[in-house]
Amino acid sequence: MAGKPVMIFFNTDDVIAGSGGLEATRLALNQDRQKARATGAGELLIGVRTSPRASDPAFQKKYAQCGFDFLTTYHNADDGRVTAGANDYADLLTGDLKAWNDISAHTSLPFVPTVGTGYDMRPWAMDHPKTPASDYWYTGVTPEKIGEHLREGIGWSKANNDKVLGNLLLMYAWNENGEGAWLTPTKSEGSARLEAVRKVLNREASNRNPRSGQRNLGRDCARGFLTGSAGKSNKMRFIQNPTC
């Protein structure tokens, strides 16, 4: 982001415990930053996955004490759960908004919102019988609705730019197909989800630069700023091109 590499820890509390506590974690993160500078990578931004815990603001405070740069979430499906069994995708959007508001209101650290593209662990659980699926899932997900939710996420980030880290936005997920969340092309939908994302970015880019003419700024932003992160996160990372 803004020329700085970004790293996000998934199992945050395990990182703290494995490092030997809050102060030891702070020292370890500083070593990581020094190594990044030494290799010419620049100033490393280090984030952590968290959960709302709005009733316990101290839960977020410990991450600031460790020296992390920002907070985010993996997904917010639990926050949108209304009932066991099928839940509408609109409920997931409500859960996302709840998480965005609750976390950003109870931390001194910048926050990066995550936009959900669905959640349904049943396919994944079929291949992992010792790990049961969640007792709920979401239905009614369409490329168009994903695009609408992405617009909501961008709008929320703009309205809360004093709380958000730069113009960084995450999407769950790039290829969590077994968990019911993906952007990758599929046999059933083709590239419709990516096309919906492109449409939103094109419109956003046009609003930011109305004199852009016929240039496909959404495509250019996508080429430069849509990257699937490796490892557990499996997200798409969206960084809106400041030149758009």
Foldseek 3Di string as FASTA:
>chain_A
DVQAAEEEDEPVVCLQVVLPHQQSLLVVVVVVQVVCVVVVSHGYAYEYADFLPLVCLVRQVSVVSSPHQEYEHLAQQVQLDDDFEEDEVVSSLVSQVVRVVRRLVRHPHAYAGEQEQWFDQVQVCVVVVVDDTPRYTYDDGDLQVSLVSVLVSQVVCVVVVVRHDASKYKYPADDVVNGPTHQDADPVQGNSNVVSQLVSQQVVVCVVPVPPPPDSVSVVQCVVAWDQDDDPSRMTMHDRDPVD
